[in-house]
Amino acid sequence: MRRKVTAAFIIGIFLLIISVNVIPLETSTDLFHYYINNFKADTGAENSVTAIYLNYRLFDTFFETLLLLVSVIGIIYFSRHEGDY
């Protein structure tokens, strides 16, 4: 029962996060043009994808990696302690 409640809570939080519109569509085109026109001057990177991924979105990338690590640890923990609840 506890595992089902925990899974439902995590799924609910996930759905809440993906349903939030963080950047309005009107602003996203302005950001797109800013990144394309200024990435080399802002970051010094030669490649626009690298500039966006490693310089503009550094914390986002770091926290995505951290979330993946915590998820894998949780799955391993729950699979090893299946009958403890």
C-alpha atoms as a PDB file:
ATOM      1  CA  MET A   1       0.000   0.000   0.000  1.00  0.00           C
ATOM      2  CA  ARG A   2       2.790   2.413   0.901  1.00  0.00           C
ATOM      3  CA  ARG A   3       4.564   1.796  -2.399  1.00  0.00           C
ATOM      4  CA  LYS A   4       1.387   2.547  -4.348  1.00  0.00           C
ATOM      5  CA  VAL A   5       0.871   5.824  -2.507  1.00  0.00           C
ATOM      6  CA  THR A   6       4.503   6.806  -3.084  1.00  0.00           C
ATOM      7  CA  ALA A   7       4.271   5.938  -6.788  1.00  0.00           C
ATOM      8  CA  ALA A   8       1.005   7.878  -7.147  1.00  0.00           C
ATOM      9  CA  PHE A   9       2.564  10.889  -5.419  1.00  0.00           C
ATOM     10  CA  ILE A  10       5.621  10.839  -7.679  1.00  0.00           C
ATOM     11  CA  ILE A  11       3.472  10.488 -10.806  1.00  0.00           C
ATOM     12  CA  GLY A  12       1.256  13.365  -9.620  1.00  0.00           C
ATOM     13  CA  ILE A  13       4.257  15.639  -9.069  1.00  0.00           C
ATOM     14  CA  PHE A  14       5.638  14.673 -12.485  1.00  0.00           C
ATOM     15  CA  LEU A  15       2.347  15.492 -14.214  1.00  0.00           C
ATOM     16  CA  LEU A  16       2.131  18.804 -12.375  1.00  0.00           C
ATOM     17  CA  ILE A  17       5.643  19.769 -13.447  1.00  0.00           C
ATOM     18  CA  ILE A  18       5.148  18.923 -17.122  1.00  0.00           C
ATOM     19  CA  SER A  19       1.791  20.713 -17.266  1.00  0.00           C
ATOM     20  CA  VAL A  20       3.266  24.070 -16.220  1.00  0.00           C
ATOM     21  CA  ASN A  21       4.108  26.336 -19.138  1.00  0.00           C
ATOM     22  CA  VAL A  22       7.405  27.829 -18.008  1.00  0.00           C
ATOM     23  CA  ILE A  23       8.142  30.077 -21.000  1.00  0.00           C
ATOM     24  CA  PRO A  24       5.245  31.541 -22.993  1.00  0.00           C
ATOM     25  CA  LEU A  25       5.331  30.888 -26.736  1.00  0.00           C
ATOM     26  CA  GLU A  26       5.696  34.603 -27.607  1.00  0.00           C
ATOM     27  CA  THR A  27       8.860  34.850 -25.490  1.00  0.00           C
ATOM     28  CA  SER A  28      10.368  31.634 -26.792  1.00  0.00           C
ATOM     29  CA  THR A  29      10.865  33.031 -30.303  1.00  0.00           C
ATOM     30  CA  ASP A  30      12.692  36.039 -28.859  1.00  0.00           C
ATOM     31  CA  LEU A  31      14.911  33.730 -26.836  1.00  0.00           C
ATOM     32  CA  PHE A  32      15.558  31.583 -29.886  1.00  0.00           C
ATOM     33  CA  HIS A  33      16.804  34.575 -31.863  1.00  0.00           C
ATOM     34  CA  TYR A  34      18.864  35.819 -28.916  1.00  0.00           C
ATOM     35  CA  TYR A  35      20.607  32.460 -28.483  1.00  0.00           C
ATOM     36  CA  ILE A  36      21.329  32.081 -32.185  1.00  0.00           C
ATOM     37  CA  ASN A  37      22.680  35.611 -32.576  1.00  0.00           C
ATOM     38  CA  ASN A  38      24.658  35.916 -29.322  1.00  0.00           C
ATOM     39  CA  PHE A  39      25.851  32.461 -28.276  1.00  0.00           C
ATOM     40  CA  LYS A  40      29.442  32.960 -29.441  1.00  0.00           C
ATOM     41  CA  ALA A  41      29.840  36.360 -27.775  1.00  0.00           C
ATOM     42  CA  ASP A  42      28.171  35.212 -24.520  1.00  0.00           C
ATOM     43  CA  THR A  43      29.876  31.850 -24.081  1.00  0.00           C
ATOM     44  CA  GLY A  44      32.849  31.684 -26.430  1.00  0.00           C
ATOM     45  CA  ALA A  45      31.681  28.311 -27.738  1.00  0.00           C
ATOM     46  CA  GLU A  46      32.016  27.538 -31.435  1.00  0.00           C
ATOM     47  CA  ASN A  47      28.930  25.319 -31.556  1.00  0.00           C
ATOM     48  CA  SER A  48      25.457  26.674 -30.703  1.00  0.00           C
ATOM     49  CA  VAL A  49      24.213  23.346 -29.320  1.00  0.00           C
ATOM     50  CA  THR A  50      27.195  23.100 -26.981  1.00  0.00           C
ATOM     51  CA  ALA A  51      26.710  26.705 -25.876  1.00  0.00           C
ATOM     52  CA  ILE A  52      23.064  26.133 -25.028  1.00  0.00           C
ATOM     53  CA  TYR A  53      23.570  22.728 -23.422  1.00  0.00           C
ATOM     54  CA  LEU A  54      26.652  23.455 -21.308  1.00  0.00           C
ATOM     55  CA  ASN A  55      26.554  27.200 -20.723  1.00  0.00           C
ATOM     56  CA  TYR A  56      23.005  28.563 -20.834  1.00  0.00           C
ATOM     57  CA  ARG A  57      21.351  25.462 -19.350  1.00  0.00           C
ATOM     58  CA  LEU A  58      24.110  24.205 -17.063  1.00  0.00           C
ATOM     59  CA  PHE A  59      21.989  23.954 -13.909  1.00  0.00           C
ATOM     60  CA  ASP A  60      19.100  22.374 -15.811  1.00  0.00           C
ATOM     61  CA  THR A  61      21.439  19.716 -17.178  1.00  0.00           C
ATOM     62  CA  PHE A  62      22.970  19.126 -13.759  1.00  0.00           C
ATOM     63  CA  PHE A  63      19.614  18.696 -12.022  1.00  0.00           C
ATOM     64  CA  GLU A  64      18.305  16.399 -14.777  1.00  0.00           C
ATOM     65  CA  THR A  65      21.335  14.179 -14.241  1.00  0.00           C
ATOM     66  CA  LEU A  66      20.819  14.282 -10.482  1.00  0.00           C
ATOM     67  CA  LEU A  67      17.142  13.365 -10.890  1.00  0.00           C
ATOM     68  CA  LEU A  68      18.059  10.408 -13.089  1.00  0.00           C
ATOM     69  CA  LEU A  69      20.579   9.205 -10.481  1.00  0.00           C
ATOM     70  CA  VAL A  70      18.059   9.470  -7.636  1.00  0.00           C
ATOM     71  CA  SER A  71      15.451   7.624  -9.721  1.00  0.00           C
ATOM     72  CA  VAL A  72      17.821   4.755 -10.448  1.00  0.00           C
ATOM     73  CA  ILE A  73      18.801   4.526  -6.767  1.00  0.00           C
ATOM     74  CA  GLY A  74      15.108   4.463  -5.806  1.00  0.00           C
ATOM     75  CA  ILE A  75      14.333   1.695  -8.294  1.00  0.00           C
ATOM     76  CA  ILE A  76      17.258  -0.378  -7.038  1.00  0.00           C
ATOM     77  CA  TYR A  77      16.202   0.174  -3.422  1.00  0.00           C
ATOM     78  CA  PHE A  78      12.560  -0.783  -4.021  1.00  0.00           C
ATOM     79  CA  SER A  79      13.493  -3.851  -6.057  1.00  0.00           C
ATOM     80  CA  ARG A  80      15.829  -5.168  -3.331  1.00  0.00           C
ATOM     81  CA  HIS A  81      13.418  -4.445  -0.446  1.00  0.00           C
ATOM     82  CA  GLU A  82      10.256  -5.686  -2.126  1.00  0.00           C
ATOM     83  CA  GLY A  83       8.832  -7.649   0.804  1.00  0.00           C
ATOM     84  CA  ASP A  84       9.795  -5.238   3.616  1.00  0.00           C
ATOM     85  CA  TYR A  85       6.605  -3.162   3.506  1.00  0.00           C
END
